[in-house]
Amino acid sequence: MFDELLRVLHIYGIRNVVTFPDSGKRIAQAIKDEETPEGKNIVMIRIFETNDMEEAVKFAYKFTKNGKICLLSTASPSYSLWKNFEEK
């Protein structure tokens, strides 16, 4: 389901990913379950699962080096994080 996302994470060398409910659990599991054709797990990505944007930003600042990328996966539905689009 997240094959393209996993491919892009590796192409761009993204090592930090923040996921949010509800689909964040599926994204995190896809990253954790990823294997090479030889059957070896190749997870080299730090995953932070949260429902708090302030904590997500703190994580990004703490673990992402200058000039690197931390993916904040808010592209997944984030209805559980905010009351409405205005609050978001």
C-alpha atoms as a PDB file:
ATOM      1  CA  MET A   1       0.000   0.000   0.000  1.00  0.00           C
ATOM      2  CA  PHE A   2       2.844   2.414   0.796  1.00  0.00           C
ATOM      3  CA  ASP A   3       5.397   1.026  -1.665  1.00  0.00           C
ATOM      4  CA  GLU A   4       5.836   4.337  -3.468  1.00  0.00           C
ATOM      5  CA  LEU A   5       6.282   6.214  -0.187  1.00  0.00           C
ATOM      6  CA  LEU A   6       8.956   3.732   0.913  1.00  0.00           C
ATOM      7  CA  ARG A   7      10.737   4.106  -2.417  1.00  0.00           C
ATOM      8  CA  VAL A   8      10.783   7.903  -2.117  1.00  0.00           C
ATOM      9  CA  LEU A   9      12.029   7.751   1.486  1.00  0.00           C
ATOM     10  CA  HIS A  10      15.055   5.832   0.277  1.00  0.00           C
ATOM     11  CA  ILE A  11      15.643   7.922  -2.852  1.00  0.00           C
ATOM     12  CA  TYR A  12      15.835  11.108  -0.789  1.00  0.00           C
ATOM     13  CA  GLY A  13      17.619   9.521   2.154  1.00  0.00           C
ATOM     14  CA  ILE A  14      14.867  10.471   4.590  1.00  0.00           C
ATOM     15  CA  ARG A  15      15.766   9.021   7.984  1.00  0.00           C
ATOM     16  CA  ASN A  16      13.124  10.657  10.222  1.00  0.00           C
ATOM     17  CA  VAL A  17       9.378  10.201   9.823  1.00  0.00           C
ATOM     18  CA  VAL A  18       6.589  11.517  12.042  1.00  0.00           C
ATOM     19  CA  THR A  19       3.234   9.795  11.739  1.00  0.00           C
ATOM     20  CA  PHE A  20      -0.161  10.885  12.997  1.00  0.00           C
ATOM     21  CA  PRO A  21      -3.383   8.936  13.641  1.00  0.00           C
ATOM     22  CA  ASP A  22      -5.125   7.189  12.102  1.00  0.00           C
ATOM     23  CA  SER A  23      -3.215   6.039   9.030  1.00  0.00           C
ATOM     24  CA  GLY A  24       0.119   6.799  10.682  1.00  0.00           C
ATOM     25  CA  LYS A  25       0.131   3.392  12.333  1.00  0.00           C
ATOM     26  CA  ARG A  26      -0.120   1.737   8.907  1.00  0.00           C
ATOM     27  CA  ILE A  27       2.669   3.925   7.509  1.00  0.00           C
ATOM     28  CA  ALA A  28       4.922   3.148  10.482  1.00  0.00           C
ATOM     29  CA  GLN A  29       4.219  -0.572  10.173  1.00  0.00           C
ATOM     30  CA  ALA A  30       4.968  -0.525   6.433  1.00  0.00           C
ATOM     31  CA  ILE A  31       8.350   1.064   7.167  1.00  0.00           C
ATOM     32  CA  LYS A  32       9.081  -1.453   9.926  1.00  0.00           C
ATOM     33  CA  ASP A  33       8.033  -4.400   7.731  1.00  0.00           C
ATOM     34  CA  GLU A  34      10.036  -3.386   4.678  1.00  0.00           C
ATOM     35  CA  GLU A  35      12.473  -6.028   3.471  1.00  0.00           C
ATOM     36  CA  THR A  36      15.025  -6.363   0.720  1.00  0.00           C
ATOM     37  CA  PRO A  37      14.591  -9.006  -1.975  1.00  0.00           C
ATOM     38  CA  GLU A  38      16.970 -11.122   0.129  1.00  0.00           C
ATOM     39  CA  GLY A  39      14.467 -11.005   2.994  1.00  0.00           C
ATOM     40  CA  LYS A  40      16.506  -8.740   5.256  1.00  0.00           C
ATOM     41  CA  ASN A  41      14.817  -5.917   7.098  1.00  0.00           C
ATOM     42  CA  ILE A  42      16.333  -2.614   5.931  1.00  0.00           C
ATOM     43  CA  VAL A  43      14.722  -0.208   8.386  1.00  0.00           C
ATOM     44  CA  MET A  44      17.116   2.664   8.927  1.00  0.00           C
ATOM     45  CA  ILE A  45      14.365   5.179   9.503  1.00  0.00           C
ATOM     46  CA  ARG A  46      13.542   6.705  12.896  1.00  0.00           C
ATOM     47  CA  ILE A  47       9.753   6.786  13.345  1.00  0.00           C
ATOM     48  CA  PHE A  48       7.919   8.996  15.825  1.00  0.00           C
ATOM     49  CA  GLU A  49       4.225   8.213  16.266  1.00  0.00           C
ATOM     50  CA  THR A  50       2.267  11.050  17.870  1.00  0.00           C
ATOM     51  CA  ASN A  51      -0.962  13.016  17.846  1.00  0.00           C
ATOM     52  CA  ASP A  52       0.697  16.255  18.962  1.00  0.00           C
ATOM     53  CA  MET A  53       2.150  18.631  16.373  1.00  0.00           C
ATOM     54  CA  GLU A  54       4.294  20.445  18.956  1.00  0.00           C
ATOM     55  CA  GLU A  55       5.945  17.150  19.921  1.00  0.00           C
ATOM     56  CA  ALA A  56       6.385  16.306  16.245  1.00  0.00           C
ATOM     57  CA  VAL A  57       8.256  19.552  15.622  1.00  0.00           C
ATOM     58  CA  LYS A  58      10.449  18.979  18.684  1.00  0.00           C
ATOM     59  CA  PHE A  59      11.320  15.532  17.356  1.00  0.00           C
ATOM     60  CA  ALA A  60      12.140  16.944  13.924  1.00  0.00           C
ATOM     61  CA  TYR A  61      14.468  19.573  15.368  1.00  0.00           C
ATOM     62  CA  LYS A  62      16.162  17.101  17.685  1.00  0.00           C
ATOM     63  CA  PHE A  63      16.880  14.343  15.183  1.00  0.00           C
ATOM     64  CA  THR A  64      17.071  15.976  11.742  1.00  0.00           C
ATOM     65  CA  LYS A  65      20.387  17.478  10.710  1.00  0.00           C
ATOM     66  CA  ASN A  66      20.514  20.829   8.933  1.00  0.00           C
ATOM     67  CA  GLY A  67      19.781  20.405   5.241  1.00  0.00           C
ATOM     68  CA  LYS A  68      18.095  17.022   5.743  1.00  0.00           C
ATOM     69  CA  ILE A  69      14.423  16.064   5.642  1.00  0.00           C
ATOM     70  CA  CYS A  70      11.997  14.939   8.320  1.00  0.00           C
ATOM     71  CA  LEU A  71       8.722  13.778   6.817  1.00  0.00           C
ATOM     72  CA  LEU A  72       5.702  14.989   8.778  1.00  0.00           C
ATOM     73  CA  SER A  73       3.052  12.715   7.330  1.00  0.00           C
ATOM     74  CA  THR A  74       0.111  15.039   7.676  1.00  0.00           C
ATOM     75  CA  ALA A  75      -0.809  14.182   4.102  1.00  0.00           C
ATOM     76  CA  SER A  76      -2.650  11.269   5.635  1.00  0.00           C
ATOM     77  CA  PRO A  77      -6.032  12.171   7.085  1.00  0.00           C
ATOM     78  CA  SER A  78      -5.499  14.230  10.207  1.00  0.00           C
ATOM     79  CA  TYR A  79      -9.089  14.692  11.287  1.00  0.00           C
ATOM     80  CA  SER A  80      -8.312  13.355  14.743  1.00  0.00           C
ATOM     81  CA  LEU A  81      -5.727  16.097  15.407  1.00  0.00           C
ATOM     82  CA  TRP A  82      -7.733  19.264  14.872  1.00  0.00           C
ATOM     83  CA  LYS A  83     -11.329  20.424  15.350  1.00  0.00           C
ATOM     84  CA  ASN A  84     -11.584  21.743  11.790  1.00  0.00           C
ATOM     85  CA  PHE A  85      -9.563  23.124   8.873  1.00  0.00           C
ATOM     86  CA  GLU A  86      -9.293  26.546  10.540  1.00  0.00           C
ATOM     87  CA  GLU A  87      -7.593  25.154  13.626  1.00  0.00           C
ATOM     88  CA  LYS A  88      -5.268  23.096  11.412  1.00  0.00           C
END
